[in-house]
C-alpha atoms as a PDB file:
ATOM      1  CA  MET A   1     -70.718  23.149  11.331  1.00  0.00           C
ATOM      2  CA  LEU A   2     -68.175  20.346  11.346  1.00  0.00           C
ATOM      3  CA  THR A   3     -69.083  19.317   7.779  1.00  0.00           C
ATOM      4  CA  VAL A   4     -67.834  22.667   6.544  1.00  0.00           C
ATOM      5  CA  MET A   5     -64.934  22.896   8.967  1.00  0.00           C
ATOM      6  CA  ALA A   6     -63.685  19.459   7.933  1.00  0.00           C
ATOM      7  CA  GLU A   7     -62.950  20.848   4.482  1.00  0.00           C
ATOM      8  CA  LEU A   8     -60.831  23.628   5.960  1.00  0.00           C
ATOM      9  CA  VAL A   9     -59.109  22.319   9.093  1.00  0.00           C
ATOM     10  CA  PRO A  10     -57.908  18.956  10.412  1.00  0.00           C
ATOM     11  CA  PHE A  11     -60.238  17.072  12.733  1.00  0.00           C
ATOM     12  CA  SER A  12     -57.881  17.555  15.707  1.00  0.00           C
ATOM     13  CA  THR A  13     -58.055  21.324  15.219  1.00  0.00           C
ATOM     14  CA  ALA A  14     -61.846  21.296  14.954  1.00  0.00           C
ATOM     15  CA  LEU A  15     -62.001  19.158  18.094  1.00  0.00           C
ATOM     16  CA  ARG A  16     -59.726  21.486  20.029  1.00  0.00           C
ATOM     17  CA  GLU A  17     -61.662  24.567  18.980  1.00  0.00           C
ATOM     18  CA  ARG A  18     -65.078  23.061  19.653  1.00  0.00           C
ATOM     19  CA  SER A  19     -64.041  21.877  23.125  1.00  0.00           C
ATOM     20  CA  ARG A  20     -62.048  24.955  24.152  1.00  0.00           C
ATOM     21  CA  ASN A  21     -64.812  26.510  26.271  1.00  0.00           C
ATOM     22  CA  ALA A  22     -65.694  23.192  27.916  1.00  0.00           C
ATOM     23  CA  HIS A  23     -62.041  22.633  28.775  1.00  0.00           C
ATOM     24  CA  SER A  24     -61.663  26.109  30.243  1.00  0.00           C
ATOM     25  CA  GLY A  25     -64.880  25.720  32.227  1.00  0.00           C
ATOM     26  CA  SER A  26     -63.665  22.471  33.717  1.00  0.00           C
ATOM     27  CA  GLU A  27     -60.308  23.951  34.719  1.00  0.00           C
ATOM     28  CA  GLY A  28     -62.019  26.935  36.309  1.00  0.00           C
ATOM     29  CA  ALA A  29     -64.416  24.926  38.471  1.00  0.00           C
ATOM     30  CA  GLY A  30     -64.348  26.167  42.061  1.00  0.00           C
ATOM     31  CA  PHE A  31     -62.919  23.064  43.719  1.00  0.00           C
ATOM     32  CA  MET A  32     -60.012  22.787  41.307  1.00  0.00           C
ATOM     33  CA  SER A  33     -59.431  26.518  41.214  1.00  0.00           C
ATOM     34  CA  ASP A  34     -59.162  26.612  44.997  1.00  0.00           C
ATOM     35  CA  LEU A  35     -56.791  23.674  45.013  1.00  0.00           C
ATOM     36  CA  MET A  36     -54.537  25.295  42.424  1.00  0.00           C
ATOM     37  CA  ARG A  37     -54.495  28.641  44.238  1.00  0.00           C
ATOM     38  CA  GLY A  38     -53.451  27.194  47.557  1.00  0.00           C
ATOM     39  CA  ASN A  39     -56.913  27.415  49.134  1.00  0.00           C
ATOM     40  CA  GLY A  40     -57.422  23.654  49.227  1.00  0.00           C
ATOM     41  CA  THR A  41     -56.192  21.054  51.675  1.00  0.00           C
ATOM     42  CA  ARG A  42     -54.273  17.829  51.468  1.00  0.00           C
ATOM     43  CA  ASP A  43     -57.559  16.002  52.045  1.00  0.00           C
ATOM     44  CA  ASP A  44     -58.996  17.784  49.007  1.00  0.00           C
ATOM     45  CA  TYR A  45     -56.143  16.508  46.894  1.00  0.00           C
ATOM     46  CA  VAL A  46     -56.539  12.974  48.246  1.00  0.00           C
ATOM     47  CA  ALA A  47     -60.259  13.090  47.432  1.00  0.00           C
ATOM     48  CA  LEU A  48     -59.434  14.028  43.837  1.00  0.00           C
ATOM     49  CA  VAL A  49     -56.899  11.217  43.502  1.00  0.00           C
ATOM     50  CA  ALA A  50     -59.462   8.725  44.826  1.00  0.00           C
ATOM     51  CA  GLN A  51     -62.042   9.705  42.192  1.00  0.00           C
ATOM     52  CA  HIS A  52     -59.409   9.487  39.478  1.00  0.00           C
ATOM     53  CA  TRP A  53     -58.791   5.873  40.442  1.00  0.00           C
ATOM     54  CA  PHE A  54     -62.366   4.857  39.657  1.00  0.00           C
ATOM     55  CA  ILE A  55     -62.277   6.693  36.329  1.00  0.00           C
ATOM     56  CA  TYR A  56     -58.970   5.279  35.153  1.00  0.00           C
ATOM     57  CA  GLU A  57     -59.754   1.765  36.318  1.00  0.00           C
ATOM     58  CA  THR A  58     -62.710   1.836  33.925  1.00  0.00           C
ATOM     59  CA  LEU A  59     -60.957   3.653  31.089  1.00  0.00           C
ATOM     60  CA  GLU A  60     -57.958   1.333  31.121  1.00  0.00           C
ATOM     61  CA  ALA A  61     -60.211  -1.725  31.211  1.00  0.00           C
ATOM     62  CA  ALA A  62     -61.828  -0.305  28.074  1.00  0.00           C
ATOM     63  CA  ALA A  63     -58.359   0.072  26.537  1.00  0.00           C
ATOM     64  CA  ASP A  64     -57.731  -3.619  27.143  1.00  0.00           C
ATOM     65  CA  ALA A  65     -61.006  -4.423  25.382  1.00  0.00           C
ATOM     66  CA  MET A  66     -60.126  -2.157  22.444  1.00  0.00           C
ATOM     67  CA  ARG A  67     -56.519  -3.207  21.816  1.00  0.00           C
ATOM     68  CA  ASP A  68     -57.365  -5.114  18.635  1.00  0.00           C
ATOM     69  CA  ASP A  69     -59.730  -2.529  17.214  1.00  0.00           C
ATOM     70  CA  PRO A  70     -58.142  -0.917  14.124  1.00  0.00           C
ATOM     71  CA  ILE A  71     -59.433   2.565  14.974  1.00  0.00           C
ATOM     72  CA  ALA A  72     -58.769   2.578  18.710  1.00  0.00           C
ATOM     73  CA  ALA A  73     -55.503   0.608  18.743  1.00  0.00           C
ATOM     74  CA  PRO A  74     -53.197   3.405  17.489  1.00  0.00           C
ATOM     75  CA  PHE A  75     -54.082   5.502  20.533  1.00  0.00           C
ATOM     76  CA  ILE A  76     -53.407   2.772  23.101  1.00  0.00           C
ATOM     77  CA  THR A  77     -49.949   2.619  24.650  1.00  0.00           C
ATOM     78  CA  GLU A  78     -48.589   1.518  27.996  1.00  0.00           C
ATOM     79  CA  LYS A  79     -46.758   4.851  28.153  1.00  0.00           C
ATOM     80  CA  LEU A  80     -50.049   6.454  29.138  1.00  0.00           C
ATOM     81  CA  THR A  81     -51.235   3.855  31.669  1.00  0.00           C
ATOM     82  CA  ARG A  82     -52.047   5.616  34.954  1.00  0.00           C
ATOM     83  CA  LEU A  83     -53.635   2.985  37.185  1.00  0.00           C
ATOM     84  CA  PRO A  84     -50.442   1.624  38.835  1.00  0.00           C
ATOM     85  CA  ALA A  85     -49.303   5.174  39.588  1.00  0.00           C
ATOM     86  CA  LEU A  86     -52.690   6.064  41.069  1.00  0.00           C
ATOM     87  CA  GLU A  87     -52.597   2.992  43.290  1.00  0.00           C
ATOM     88  CA  ALA A  88     -49.108   3.850  44.502  1.00  0.00           C
ATOM     89  CA  ASP A  89     -50.234   7.433  45.169  1.00  0.00           C
ATOM     90  CA  LEU A  90     -53.234   6.254  47.185  1.00  0.00           C
ATOM     91  CA  ALA A  91     -51.130   3.819  49.198  1.00  0.00           C
ATOM     92  CA  TYR A  92     -48.802   6.677  50.108  1.00  0.00           C
ATOM     93  CA  LEU A  93     -51.533   9.238  50.756  1.00  0.00           C
ATOM     94  CA  ILE A  94     -54.049   7.017  52.579  1.00  0.00           C
ATOM     95  CA  GLY A  95     -52.338   3.765  53.524  1.00  0.00           C
ATOM     96  CA  ASP A  96     -52.263   0.172  52.360  1.00  0.00           C
ATOM     97  CA  ASP A  97     -55.979  -0.169  53.094  1.00  0.00           C
ATOM     98  CA  TRP A  98     -56.833   2.660  50.687  1.00  0.00           C
ATOM     99  CA  ARG A  99     -59.187   0.546  48.589  1.00  0.00           C
ATOM    100  CA  SER A 100     -61.593  -0.006  51.473  1.00  0.00           C
ATOM    101  CA  ARG A 101     -61.551   3.686  52.369  1.00  0.00           C
ATOM    102  CA  ILE A 102     -62.570   5.284  49.075  1.00  0.00           C
ATOM    103  CA  THR A 103     -65.970   5.419  47.385  1.00  0.00           C
ATOM    104  CA  PRO A 104     -67.077   6.974  44.099  1.00  0.00           C
ATOM    105  CA  LEU A 105     -69.058  10.200  44.180  1.00  0.00           C
ATOM    106  CA  PRO A 106     -72.358  10.342  42.247  1.00  0.00           C
ATOM    107  CA  THR A 107     -70.803  12.051  39.228  1.00  0.00           C
ATOM    108  CA  THR A 108     -67.967   9.538  39.209  1.00  0.00           C
ATOM    109  CA  GLU A 109     -70.523   6.730  39.134  1.00  0.00           C
ATOM    110  CA  ARG A 110     -72.243   8.335  36.145  1.00  0.00           C
ATOM    111  CA  TYR A 111     -68.928   9.041  34.449  1.00  0.00           C
ATOM    112  CA  VAL A 112     -67.775   5.455  34.883  1.00  0.00           C
ATOM    113  CA  ALA A 113     -71.124   4.136  33.668  1.00  0.00           C
ATOM    114  CA  ARG A 114     -70.818   6.223  30.509  1.00  0.00           C
ATOM    115  CA  ILE A 115     -67.302   4.961  29.815  1.00  0.00           C
ATOM    116  CA  GLU A 116     -68.490   1.394  30.355  1.00  0.00           C
ATOM    117  CA  GLU A 117     -71.447   2.010  28.042  1.00  0.00           C
ATOM    118  CA  VAL A 118     -69.528   3.374  25.064  1.00  0.00           C
ATOM    119  CA  ALA A 119     -65.798   2.943  25.394  1.00  0.00           C
ATOM    120  CA  SER A 120     -65.577  -0.838  25.032  1.00  0.00           C
ATOM    121  CA  THR A 121     -68.046  -1.057  22.143  1.00  0.00           C
ATOM    122  CA  TRP A 122     -67.708   2.189  20.169  1.00  0.00           C
ATOM    123  CA  PRO A 123     -64.179   3.069  18.999  1.00  0.00           C
ATOM    124  CA  GLY A 124     -65.011   6.738  18.557  1.00  0.00           C
ATOM    125  CA  GLY A 125     -66.431   6.898  22.079  1.00  0.00           C
ATOM    126  CA  PHE A 126     -63.325   5.267  23.467  1.00  0.00           C
ATOM    127  CA  VAL A 127     -61.081   7.736  21.656  1.00  0.00           C
ATOM    128  CA  ALA A 128     -63.204  10.646  22.907  1.00  0.00           C
ATOM    129  CA  HIS A 129     -62.710   9.684  26.561  1.00  0.00           C
ATOM    130  CA  HIS A 130     -59.095   8.662  25.984  1.00  0.00           C
ATOM    131  CA  TYR A 131     -58.338  12.036  24.388  1.00  0.00           C
ATOM    132  CA  THR A 132     -60.104  14.044  27.083  1.00  0.00           C
ATOM    133  CA  ARG A 133     -58.271  12.372  29.936  1.00  0.00           C
ATOM    134  CA  TYR A 134     -54.773  11.643  28.684  1.00  0.00           C
ATOM    135  CA  LEU A 135     -54.041  14.745  26.628  1.00  0.00           C
ATOM    136  CA  GLY A 136     -55.193  16.768  29.610  1.00  0.00           C
ATOM    137  CA  ASP A 137     -52.852  14.759  31.838  1.00  0.00           C
ATOM    138  CA  LEU A 138     -49.960  15.524  29.498  1.00  0.00           C
ATOM    139  CA  SER A 139     -50.820  19.215  29.379  1.00  0.00           C
ATOM    140  CA  GLY A 140     -52.200  20.925  32.475  1.00  0.00           C
ATOM    141  CA  GLY A 141     -51.697  17.791  34.535  1.00  0.00           C
ATOM    142  CA  GLN A 142     -47.943  18.321  34.572  1.00  0.00           C
ATOM    143  CA  PHE A 143     -48.439  21.752  36.112  1.00  0.00           C
ATOM    144  CA  ILE A 144     -50.964  20.432  38.636  1.00  0.00           C
ATOM    145  CA  GLY A 145     -48.563  17.743  39.836  1.00  0.00           C
ATOM    146  CA  LYS A 146     -45.811  20.275  40.542  1.00  0.00           C
ATOM    147  CA  ILE A 147     -48.173  22.545  42.451  1.00  0.00           C
ATOM    148  CA  MET A 148     -49.560  19.700  44.567  1.00  0.00           C
ATOM    149  CA  ALA A 149     -46.055  18.479  45.399  1.00  0.00           C
ATOM    150  CA  ARG A 150     -45.033  21.953  46.507  1.00  0.00           C
ATOM    151  CA  GLN A 151     -48.196  22.810  48.447  1.00  0.00           C
ATOM    152  CA  PHE A 152     -48.395  19.569  50.381  1.00  0.00           C
ATOM    153  CA  GLU A 153     -44.668  18.822  50.603  1.00  0.00           C
ATOM    154  CA  LEU A 154     -45.048  15.528  48.780  1.00  0.00           C
ATOM    155  CA  GLY A 155     -41.724  15.510  46.978  1.00  0.00           C
ATOM    156  CA  SER A 156     -41.937  12.753  44.393  1.00  0.00           C
ATOM    157  CA  ASN A 157     -44.432  10.749  46.467  1.00  0.00           C
ATOM    158  CA  GLY A 158     -48.177  10.913  45.964  1.00  0.00           C
ATOM    159  CA  ILE A 159     -47.996  12.608  42.562  1.00  0.00           C
ATOM    160  CA  GLY A 160     -47.010   9.647  40.382  1.00  0.00           C
ATOM    161  CA  PHE A 161     -50.232  10.059  38.412  1.00  0.00           C
ATOM    162  CA  TYR A 162     -48.777  13.206  36.872  1.00  0.00           C
ATOM    163  CA  VAL A 163     -45.373  11.717  36.043  1.00  0.00           C
ATOM    164  CA  PHE A 164     -44.922  10.152  32.595  1.00  0.00           C
ATOM    165  CA  ASP A 165     -41.438   8.663  32.819  1.00  0.00           C
ATOM    166  CA  GLU A 166     -41.749   6.918  29.456  1.00  0.00           C
ATOM    167  CA  ILE A 167     -42.700  10.051  27.525  1.00  0.00           C
ATOM    168  CA  ALA A 168     -39.575  12.163  27.160  1.00  0.00           C
ATOM    169  CA  ASP A 169     -41.219  14.858  25.048  1.00  0.00           C
ATOM    170  CA  PRO A 170     -44.918  15.379  25.880  1.00  0.00           C
ATOM    171  CA  ALA A 171     -45.324  18.043  23.172  1.00  0.00           C
ATOM    172  CA  ALA A 172     -44.043  15.681  20.473  1.00  0.00           C
ATOM    173  CA  PHE A 173     -46.227  12.873  21.816  1.00  0.00           C
ATOM    174  CA  LYS A 174     -49.293  15.102  21.628  1.00  0.00           C
ATOM    175  CA  ASP A 175     -48.409  16.092  18.062  1.00  0.00           C
ATOM    176  CA  VAL A 176     -48.357  12.423  17.043  1.00  0.00           C
ATOM    177  CA  TYR A 177     -51.629  11.845  18.898  1.00  0.00           C
ATOM    178  CA  ARG A 178     -53.275  14.659  16.939  1.00  0.00           C
ATOM    179  CA  GLU A 179     -51.956  13.187  13.697  1.00  0.00           C
ATOM    180  CA  GLN A 180     -53.633   9.922  14.679  1.00  0.00           C
ATOM    181  CA  LEU A 181     -56.876  11.800  15.303  1.00  0.00           C
ATOM    182  CA  ASP A 182     -56.629  13.331  11.840  1.00  0.00           C
ATOM    183  CA  ALA A 183     -55.972   9.917  10.300  1.00  0.00           C
ATOM    184  CA  ALA A 184     -59.011   8.248  11.900  1.00  0.00           C
ATOM    185  CA  PRO A 185     -61.441   7.134   9.155  1.00  0.00           C
ATOM    186  CA  TRP A 186     -64.463   9.033  10.429  1.00  0.00           C
ATOM    187  CA  ASP A 187     -67.002  10.658   8.166  1.00  0.00           C
ATOM    188  CA  ALA A 188     -68.572  13.992   9.159  1.00  0.00           C
ATOM    189  CA  VAL A 189     -71.395  12.362  11.124  1.00  0.00           C
ATOM    190  CA  GLU A 190     -69.084  10.140  13.146  1.00  0.00           C
ATOM    191  CA  ALA A 191     -66.635  12.992  13.736  1.00  0.00           C
ATOM    192  CA  GLU A 192     -69.502  15.042  15.138  1.00  0.00           C
ATOM    193  CA  ARG A 193     -70.442  12.177  17.458  1.00  0.00           C
ATOM    194  CA  VAL A 194     -66.871  11.991  18.735  1.00  0.00           C
ATOM    195  CA  ILE A 195     -66.780  15.710  19.446  1.00  0.00           C
ATOM    196  CA  ASP A 196     -70.107  15.482  21.277  1.00  0.00           C
ATOM    197  CA  GLU A 197     -68.667  12.692  23.427  1.00  0.00           C
ATOM    198  CA  VAL A 198     -65.598  14.776  24.228  1.00  0.00           C
ATOM    199  CA  LEU A 199     -67.877  17.606  25.344  1.00  0.00           C
ATOM    200  CA  LEU A 200     -69.792  15.147  27.520  1.00  0.00           C
ATOM    201  CA  ALA A 201     -66.536  13.934  29.082  1.00  0.00           C
ATOM    202  CA  TYR A 202     -65.551  17.505  29.927  1.00  0.00           C
ATOM    203  CA  GLN A 203     -68.964  18.041  31.501  1.00  0.00           C
ATOM    204  CA  PHE A 204     -68.484  14.971  33.671  1.00  0.00           C
ATOM    205  CA  ASN A 205     -65.142  16.369  34.766  1.00  0.00           C
ATOM    206  CA  THR A 206     -66.688  19.732  35.658  1.00  0.00           C
ATOM    207  CA  ASP A 207     -69.559  18.049  37.502  1.00  0.00           C
ATOM    208  CA  LEU A 208     -67.062  15.972  39.452  1.00  0.00           C
ATOM    209  CA  PHE A 209     -65.441  19.124  40.803  1.00  0.00           C
ATOM    210  CA  VAL A 210     -68.885  20.309  41.896  1.00  0.00           C
ATOM    211  CA  ASP A 211     -69.415  16.981  43.676  1.00  0.00           C
ATOM    212  CA  LEU A 212     -66.030  17.227  45.373  1.00  0.00           C
ATOM    213  CA  ALA A 213     -66.841  20.733  46.611  1.00  0.00           C
ATOM    214  CA  ALA A 214     -70.225  19.561  47.916  1.00  0.00           C
ATOM    215  CA  ALA A 215     -68.670  16.575  49.683  1.00  0.00           C
ATOM    216  CA  LYS A 216     -66.098  18.872  51.285  1.00  0.00           C
ATOM    217  CA  ALA A 217     -68.819  21.275  52.483  1.00  0.00           C
ATOM    218  CA  GLU A 218     -70.868  18.420  53.886  1.00  0.00           C
ATOM    219  CA  ALA A 219     -67.874  17.006  55.754  1.00  0.00           C
ATOM    220  CA  SER A 220     -67.076  20.435  57.157  1.00  0.00           C
ATOM    221  CA  THR A 221     -70.657  20.898  58.363  1.00  0.00           C
ATOM    222  CA  ALA A 222     -70.645  17.462  59.994  1.00  0.00           C
ATOM    223  CA  THR A 223     -67.378  18.270  61.784  1.00  0.00           C
ATOM    224  CA  VAL A 224     -68.745  21.562  63.157  1.00  0.00           C
ATOM    225  CA  ALA A 225     -71.959  19.878  64.264  1.00  0.00           C
END
């Protein structure tokens, strides 16, 4: 249990180990796996970007609400802000009227509702969702961006979400982030709650890929009909 682990390993290590399977399961979801292997389409990628916009709009609004919180504040930096890049990507990929042409999928609605519920009122909940999204963006996200650019001949356009111009050394940034996790003043009970919230965030991410695959199948059926 975490109470025992906390005496042996830093919280960031316990968090990484406890969420390893959830992270791998999310990455291996069919929709994302197909996209990464070249079996997806440009429309699939655009659909993913659109859902990201709803998620990050909510998460970054929560960051604004948490800027003065002593626990959450150390994790908040403009270097991580993704919303302007997502909006530029959508304008390039869809057109200037992109906002009227995208809608959240059911899982996205639930995901956003959960962030709204916890991330602007519970510092640990905010950090859990912040960690799940942004450290993933700085890790596998860099690889995803390069693959999408190559597959769909996007060049530097349409993949701004994956480009962190203000973070010269992502590995060093992540090291500092983990040090901040270890310095958070959480007791064993609160640390367990944070880990549970991280696992929930990963589940939302996995469920979103399932939704995206279902939406793609439905659109394909409608086209054939």
